[in-house]
Amino acid sequence: MEIHVDMALCQSHGQCVFAAPEVFSFDEEDRLVYVTSADEDLRAAVSQAAGACPVRAIHIDSTSPVGKEPTP
């Protein structure tokens, strides 16, 4: 799955960090950093993080499995 954070909206509340620390964290200057692609086994945690974001800055896109074409 692909993870996108609209950094223009993000206000670093940190709810995503609590919900999915494997994906979201803060750097030494308290700016949000995150991985842009995560395994499907983290979908529940990332979905919880997106739902917890007070400004709705987190968006999740599914990706096709490697070697498979999307079904029309």
PDB file of N, CA and C in Angstrom:
ATOM      1  N   MET A   1       0.841  -1.169   0.000  1.00  0.00           N
ATOM      2  CA  MET A   1       0.000   0.000   0.000  1.00  0.00           C
ATOM      3  C   MET A   1       0.884   1.230   0.000  1.00  0.00           C
ATOM      4  N   GLU A   2       0.421   2.261  -0.654  1.00  0.00           N
ATOM      5  CA  GLU A   2       1.137   3.535  -0.707  1.00  0.00           C
ATOM      6  C   GLU A   2       0.525   4.491   0.323  1.00  0.00           C
ATOM      7  N   ILE A   3       1.382   5.221   1.010  1.00  0.00           N
ATOM      8  CA  ILE A   3       0.940   6.154   2.048  1.00  0.00           C
ATOM      9  C   ILE A   3       1.350   7.556   1.632  1.00  0.00           C
ATOM     10  N   HIS A   4       0.406   8.464   1.717  1.00  0.00           N
ATOM     11  CA  HIS A   4       0.659   9.860   1.367  1.00  0.00           C
ATOM     12  C   HIS A   4       0.222  10.742   2.535  1.00  0.00           C
ATOM     13  N   VAL A   5       1.058  11.695   2.883  1.00  0.00           N
ATOM     14  CA  VAL A   5       0.704  12.681   3.908  1.00  0.00           C
ATOM     15  C   VAL A   5       0.801  14.052   3.270  1.00  0.00           C
ATOM     16  N   ASP A   6      -0.281  14.802   3.334  1.00  0.00           N
ATOM     17  CA  ASP A   6      -0.285  16.180   2.837  1.00  0.00           C
ATOM     18  C   ASP A   6       0.410  17.034   3.893  1.00  0.00           C
ATOM     19  N   MET A   7       1.681  17.315   3.663  1.00  0.00           N
ATOM     20  CA  MET A   7       2.466  18.047   4.649  1.00  0.00           C
ATOM     21  C   MET A   7       2.017  19.503   4.796  1.00  0.00           C
ATOM     22  N   ALA A   8       1.263  19.999   3.819  1.00  0.00           N
ATOM     23  CA  ALA A   8       0.702  21.348   3.954  1.00  0.00           C
ATOM     24  C   ALA A   8      -0.420  21.349   4.998  1.00  0.00           C
ATOM     25  N   LEU A   9      -1.069  20.204   5.186  1.00  0.00           N
ATOM     26  CA  LEU A   9      -2.130  20.087   6.188  1.00  0.00           C
ATOM     27  C   LEU A   9      -1.607  19.623   7.542  1.00  0.00           C
ATOM     28  N   CYS A  10      -0.584  18.775   7.536  1.00  0.00           N
ATOM     29  CA  CYS A  10      -0.083  18.164   8.765  1.00  0.00           C
ATOM     30  C   CYS A  10       0.342  19.237   9.766  1.00  0.00           C
ATOM     31  N   GLN A  11      -0.131  19.054  11.007  1.00  0.00           N
ATOM     32  CA  GLN A  11       0.227  19.983  12.079  1.00  0.00           C
ATOM     33  C   GLN A  11       1.008  19.275  13.188  1.00  0.00           C
ATOM     34  N   SER A  12       1.506  18.078  12.894  1.00  0.00           N
ATOM     35  CA  SER A  12       2.346  17.306  13.821  1.00  0.00           C
ATOM     36  C   SER A  12       1.677  17.036  15.168  1.00  0.00           C
ATOM     37  N   HIS A  13       0.386  16.702  15.131  1.00  0.00           N
ATOM     38  CA  HIS A  13      -0.314  16.339  16.368  1.00  0.00           C
ATOM     39  C   HIS A  13       0.225  15.028  16.935  1.00  0.00           C
ATOM     40  N   GLY A  14       0.689  14.122  16.056  1.00  0.00           N
ATOM     41  CA  GLY A  14       1.330  12.893  16.498  1.00  0.00           C
ATOM     42  C   GLY A  14       0.417  11.707  16.711  1.00  0.00           C
ATOM     43  N   GLN A  15      -0.862  11.841  16.427  1.00  0.00           N
ATOM     44  CA  GLN A  15      -1.763  10.706  16.614  1.00  0.00           C
ATOM     45  C   GLN A  15      -1.368   9.536  15.727  1.00  0.00           C
ATOM     46  N   CYS A  16      -0.861   9.818  14.555  1.00  0.00           N
ATOM     47  CA  CYS A  16      -0.413   8.753  13.638  1.00  0.00           C
ATOM     48  C   CYS A  16       0.773   8.000  14.210  1.00  0.00           C
ATOM     49  N   VAL A  17       1.640   8.697  14.912  1.00  0.00           N
ATOM     50  CA  VAL A  17       2.819   8.074  15.502  1.00  0.00           C
ATOM     51  C   VAL A  17       2.404   7.059  16.563  1.00  0.00           C
ATOM     52  N   PHE A  18       1.381   7.392  17.341  1.00  0.00           N
ATOM     53  CA  PHE A  18       0.884   6.463  18.355  1.00  0.00           C
ATOM     54  C   PHE A  18       0.189   5.266  17.715  1.00  0.00           C
ATOM     55  N   ALA A  19      -0.547   5.501  16.637  1.00  0.00           N
ATOM     56  CA  ALA A  19      -1.321   4.435  15.994  1.00  0.00           C
ATOM     57  C   ALA A  19      -0.459   3.491  15.165  1.00  0.00           C
ATOM     58  N   ALA A  20       0.562   4.011  14.499  1.00  0.00           N
ATOM     59  CA  ALA A  20       1.391   3.186  13.608  1.00  0.00           C
ATOM     60  C   ALA A  20       2.854   3.612  13.688  1.00  0.00           C
ATOM     61  N   PRO A  21       3.519   3.319  14.804  1.00  0.00           N
ATOM     62  CA  PRO A  21       4.911   3.756  14.953  1.00  0.00           C
ATOM     63  C   PRO A  21       5.875   3.090  13.979  1.00  0.00           C
ATOM     64  N   GLU A  22       5.456   1.998  13.336  1.00  0.00           N
ATOM     65  CA  GLU A  22       6.298   1.346  12.333  1.00  0.00           C
ATOM     66  C   GLU A  22       6.366   2.173  11.053  1.00  0.00           C
ATOM     67  N   VAL A  23       5.411   3.083  10.904  1.00  0.00           N
ATOM     68  CA  VAL A  23       5.290   3.872   9.666  1.00  0.00           C
ATOM     69  C   VAL A  23       5.581   5.350   9.894  1.00  0.00           C
ATOM     70  N   PHE A  24       5.112   5.891  11.002  1.00  0.00           N
ATOM     71  CA  PHE A  24       5.208   7.331  11.278  1.00  0.00           C
ATOM     72  C   PHE A  24       6.100   7.593  12.484  1.00  0.00           C
ATOM     73  N   SER A  25       6.875   8.669  12.403  1.00  0.00           N
ATOM     74  CA  SER A  25       7.703   9.101  13.533  1.00  0.00           C
ATOM     75  C   SER A  25       8.029  10.582  13.356  1.00  0.00           C
ATOM     76  N   PHE A  26       8.715  11.133  14.341  1.00  0.00           N
ATOM     77  CA  PHE A  26       9.180  12.513  14.264  1.00  0.00           C
ATOM     78  C   PHE A  26      10.695  12.517  14.165  1.00  0.00           C
ATOM     79  N   ASP A  27      11.230  13.475  13.404  1.00  0.00           N
ATOM     80  CA  ASP A  27      12.685  13.613  13.340  1.00  0.00           C
ATOM     81  C   ASP A  27      13.155  14.464  14.517  1.00  0.00           C
ATOM     82  N   GLU A  28      14.441  14.744  14.546  1.00  0.00           N
ATOM     83  CA  GLU A  28      15.011  15.501  15.671  1.00  0.00           C
ATOM     84  C   GLU A  28      14.489  16.941  15.759  1.00  0.00           C
ATOM     85  N   GLU A  29      13.869  17.422  14.705  1.00  0.00           N
ATOM     86  CA  GLU A  29      13.292  18.772  14.711  1.00  0.00           C
ATOM     87  C   GLU A  29      11.768  18.721  14.841  1.00  0.00           C
ATOM     88  N   ASP A  30      11.248  17.573  15.294  1.00  0.00           N
ATOM     89  CA  ASP A  30       9.817  17.357  15.513  1.00  0.00           C
ATOM     90  C   ASP A  30       8.972  17.502  14.252  1.00  0.00           C
ATOM     91  N   ARG A  31       9.562  17.162  13.103  1.00  0.00           N
ATOM     92  CA  ARG A  31       8.806  17.111  11.851  1.00  0.00           C
ATOM     93  C   ARG A  31       8.413  15.671  11.594  1.00  0.00           C
ATOM     94  N   LEU A  32       7.235  15.473  11.044  1.00  0.00           N
ATOM     95  CA  LEU A  32       6.772  14.133  10.744  1.00  0.00           C
ATOM     96  C   LEU A  32       7.585  13.514   9.623  1.00  0.00           C
ATOM     97  N   VAL A  33       7.995  12.280   9.812  1.00  0.00           N
ATOM     98  CA  VAL A  33       8.608  11.478   8.759  1.00  0.00           C
ATOM     99  C   VAL A  33       7.824  10.184   8.689  1.00  0.00           C
ATOM    100  N   TYR A  34       7.760   9.597   7.493  1.00  0.00           N
ATOM    101  CA  TYR A  34       6.968   8.377   7.329  1.00  0.00           C
ATOM    102  C   TYR A  34       7.474   7.593   6.134  1.00  0.00           C
ATOM    103  N   VAL A  35       7.155   6.311   6.123  1.00  0.00           N
ATOM    104  CA  VAL A  35       7.494   5.493   4.968  1.00  0.00           C
ATOM    105  C   VAL A  35       6.369   5.649   3.955  1.00  0.00           C
ATOM    106  N   THR A  36       6.716   5.661   2.699  1.00  0.00           N
ATOM    107  CA  THR A  36       5.703   5.902   1.660  1.00  0.00           C
ATOM    108  C   THR A  36       5.075   4.625   1.139  1.00  0.00           C
ATOM    109  N   SER A  37       5.675   3.489   1.462  1.00  0.00           N
ATOM    110  CA  SER A  37       5.148   2.214   0.998  1.00  0.00           C
ATOM    111  C   SER A  37       5.276   1.213   2.140  1.00  0.00           C
ATOM    112  N   ALA A  38       4.175   0.534   2.465  1.00  0.00           N
ATOM    113  CA  ALA A  38       4.183  -0.425   3.569  1.00  0.00           C
ATOM    114  C   ALA A  38       3.463  -1.699   3.157  1.00  0.00           C
ATOM    115  N   ASP A  39       3.811  -2.787   3.816  1.00  0.00           N
ATOM    116  CA  ASP A  39       3.160  -4.066   3.564  1.00  0.00           C
ATOM    117  C   ASP A  39       1.702  -4.028   4.015  1.00  0.00           C
ATOM    118  N   GLU A  40       0.922  -4.872   3.403  1.00  0.00           N
ATOM    119  CA  GLU A  40      -0.512  -4.937   3.707  1.00  0.00           C
ATOM    120  C   GLU A  40      -0.781  -5.313   5.160  1.00  0.00           C
ATOM    121  N   ASP A  41       0.140  -6.006   5.813  1.00  0.00           N
ATOM    122  CA  ASP A  41      -0.095  -6.393   7.200  1.00  0.00           C
ATOM    123  C   ASP A  41      -0.145  -5.185   8.137  1.00  0.00           C
ATOM    124  N   LEU A  42       0.277  -4.020   7.660  1.00  0.00           N
ATOM    125  CA  LEU A  42       0.197  -2.791   8.459  1.00  0.00           C
ATOM    126  C   LEU A  42      -1.039  -1.952   8.119  1.00  0.00           C
ATOM    127  N   ARG A  43      -1.889  -2.448   7.225  1.00  0.00           N
ATOM    128  CA  ARG A  43      -3.041  -1.665   6.776  1.00  0.00           C
ATOM    129  C   ARG A  43      -3.944  -1.230   7.937  1.00  0.00           C
ATOM    130  N   ALA A  44      -4.226  -2.110   8.860  1.00  0.00           N
ATOM    131  CA  ALA A  44      -5.116  -1.754   9.973  1.00  0.00           C
ATOM    132  C   ALA A  44      -4.530  -0.609  10.795  1.00  0.00           C
ATOM    133  N   ALA A  45      -3.236  -0.682  11.091  1.00  0.00           N
ATOM    134  CA  ALA A  45      -2.596   0.375  11.885  1.00  0.00           C
ATOM    135  C   ALA A  45      -2.549   1.690  11.120  1.00  0.00           C
ATOM    136  N   VAL A  46      -2.250   1.630   9.818  1.00  0.00           N
ATOM    137  CA  VAL A  46      -2.188   2.854   9.013  1.00  0.00           C
ATOM    138  C   VAL A  46      -3.586   3.448   8.844  1.00  0.00           C
ATOM    139  N   SER A  47      -4.584   2.597   8.694  1.00  0.00           N
ATOM    140  CA  SER A  47      -5.965   3.090   8.605  1.00  0.00           C
ATOM    141  C   SER A  47      -6.382   3.769   9.903  1.00  0.00           C
ATOM    142  N   GLN A  48      -5.968   3.186  11.022  1.00  0.00           N
ATOM    143  CA  GLN A  48      -6.262   3.796  12.318  1.00  0.00           C
ATOM    144  C   GLN A  48      -5.550   5.146  12.434  1.00  0.00           C
ATOM    145  N   ALA A  49      -4.311   5.214  11.961  1.00  0.00           N
ATOM    146  CA  ALA A  49      -3.562   6.473  11.979  1.00  0.00           C
ATOM    147  C   ALA A  49      -4.258   7.533  11.132  1.00  0.00           C
ATOM    148  N   ALA A  50      -4.709   7.137   9.949  1.00  0.00           N
ATOM    149  CA  ALA A  50      -5.404   8.085   9.066  1.00  0.00           C
ATOM    150  C   ALA A  50      -6.688   8.590   9.718  1.00  0.00           C
ATOM    151  N   GLY A  51      -7.409   7.690  10.359  1.00  0.00           N
ATOM    152  CA  GLY A  51      -8.640   8.088  11.028  1.00  0.00           C
ATOM    153  C   GLY A  51      -8.414   8.959  12.252  1.00  0.00           C
ATOM    154  N   ALA A  52      -7.267   8.790  12.890  1.00  0.00           N
ATOM    155  CA  ALA A  52      -6.949   9.567  14.092  1.00  0.00           C
ATOM    156  C   ALA A  52      -6.417  10.953  13.778  1.00  0.00           C
ATOM    157  N   CYS A  53      -6.005  11.180  12.532  1.00  0.00           N
ATOM    158  CA  CYS A  53      -5.435  12.480  12.163  1.00  0.00           C
ATOM    159  C   CYS A  53      -6.517  13.555  12.227  1.00  0.00           C
ATOM    160  N   PRO A  54      -6.348  14.548  13.094  1.00  0.00           N
ATOM    161  CA  PRO A  54      -7.391  15.568  13.245  1.00  0.00           C
ATOM    162  C   PRO A  54      -7.584  16.456  12.022  1.00  0.00           C
ATOM    163  N   VAL A  55      -6.590  16.513  11.143  1.00  0.00           N
ATOM    164  CA  VAL A  55      -6.722  17.360   9.948  1.00  0.00           C
ATOM    165  C   VAL A  55      -6.860  16.532   8.669  1.00  0.00           C
ATOM    166  N   ARG A  56      -6.976  15.213   8.817  1.00  0.00           N
ATOM    167  CA  ARG A  56      -7.175  14.284   7.691  1.00  0.00           C
ATOM    168  C   ARG A  56      -6.096  14.441   6.616  1.00  0.00           C
ATOM    169  N   ALA A  57      -4.847  14.481   7.050  1.00  0.00           N
ATOM    170  CA  ALA A  57      -3.729  14.682   6.125  1.00  0.00           C
ATOM    171  C   ALA A  57      -3.188  13.375   5.543  1.00  0.00           C
ATOM    172  N   ILE A  58      -3.629  12.220   6.081  1.00  0.00           N
ATOM    173  CA  ILE A  58      -3.079  10.931   5.662  1.00  0.00           C
ATOM    174  C   ILE A  58      -4.030  10.244   4.696  1.00  0.00           C
ATOM    175  N   HIS A  59      -3.470   9.753   3.584  1.00  0.00           N
ATOM    176  CA  HIS A  59      -4.260   9.045   2.573  1.00  0.00           C
ATOM    177  C   HIS A  59      -3.546   7.746   2.224  1.00  0.00           C
ATOM    178  N   ILE A  60      -4.332   6.696   1.986  1.00  0.00           N
ATOM    179  CA  ILE A  60      -3.802   5.374   1.678  1.00  0.00           C
ATOM    180  C   ILE A  60      -4.284   4.955   0.298  1.00  0.00           C
ATOM    181  N   ASP A  61      -3.354   4.458  -0.522  1.00  0.00           N
ATOM    182  CA  ASP A  61      -3.690   3.903  -1.834  1.00  0.00           C
ATOM    183  C   ASP A  61      -3.217   2.461  -1.860  1.00  0.00           C
ATOM    184  N   SER A  62      -4.045   1.586  -2.401  1.00  0.00           N
ATOM    185  CA  SER A  62      -3.632   0.196  -2.569  1.00  0.00           C
ATOM    186  C   SER A  62      -2.719   0.104  -3.776  1.00  0.00           C
ATOM    187  N   THR A  63      -1.839  -0.863  -3.740  1.00  0.00           N
ATOM    188  CA  THR A  63      -0.986  -1.134  -4.889  1.00  0.00           C
ATOM    189  C   THR A  63      -1.254  -2.548  -5.351  1.00  0.00           C
ATOM    190  N   SER A  64      -1.027  -2.797  -6.610  1.00  0.00           N
ATOM    191  CA  SER A  64      -1.206  -4.136  -7.152  1.00  0.00           C
ATOM    192  C   SER A  64      -0.055  -5.016  -6.692  1.00  0.00           C
ATOM    193  N   PRO A  65      -0.323  -6.294  -6.425  1.00  0.00           N
ATOM    194  CA  PRO A  65       0.772  -7.197  -6.077  1.00  0.00           C
ATOM    195  C   PRO A  65       1.799  -7.245  -7.214  1.00  0.00           C
ATOM    196  N   VAL A  66       3.037  -7.440  -6.873  1.00  0.00           N
ATOM    197  CA  VAL A  66       4.113  -7.490  -7.858  1.00  0.00           C
ATOM    198  C   VAL A  66       3.819  -8.584  -8.867  1.00  0.00           C
ATOM    199  N   GLY A  67       3.953  -8.250 -10.149  1.00  0.00           N
ATOM    200  CA  GLY A  67       3.766  -9.222 -11.198  1.00  0.00           C
ATOM    201  C   GLY A  67       2.332  -9.422 -11.632  1.00  0.00           C
ATOM    202  N   LYS A  68       1.386  -8.746 -11.014  1.00  0.00           N
ATOM    203  CA  LYS A  68      -0.010  -8.891 -11.385  1.00  0.00           C
ATOM    204  C   LYS A  68      -0.531  -7.569 -11.954  1.00  0.00           C
ATOM    205  N   GLU A  69      -1.299  -7.673 -12.963  1.00  0.00           N
ATOM    206  CA  GLU A  69      -1.927  -6.502 -13.546  1.00  0.00           C
ATOM    207  C   GLU A  69      -3.237  -6.231 -12.814  1.00  0.00           C
ATOM    208  N   PRO A  70      -3.630  -4.975 -12.654  1.00  0.00           N
ATOM    209  CA  PRO A  70      -4.923  -4.680 -12.027  1.00  0.00           C
ATOM    210  C   PRO A  70      -6.050  -5.255 -12.889  1.00  0.00           C
ATOM    211  N   THR A  71      -7.090  -5.691 -12.202  1.00  0.00           N
ATOM    212  CA  THR A  71      -8.261  -6.209 -12.905  1.00  0.00           C
ATOM    213  C   THR A  71      -9.110  -5.053 -13.399  1.00  0.00           C
ATOM    214  N   PRO A  72      -9.485  -5.075 -14.696  1.00  0.00           N
ATOM    215  CA  PRO A  72     -10.290  -3.951 -15.235  1.00  0.00           C
ATOM    216  C   PRO A  72     -11.692  -3.932 -14.680  1.00  0.00           C
TER     217      PRO A  72
END
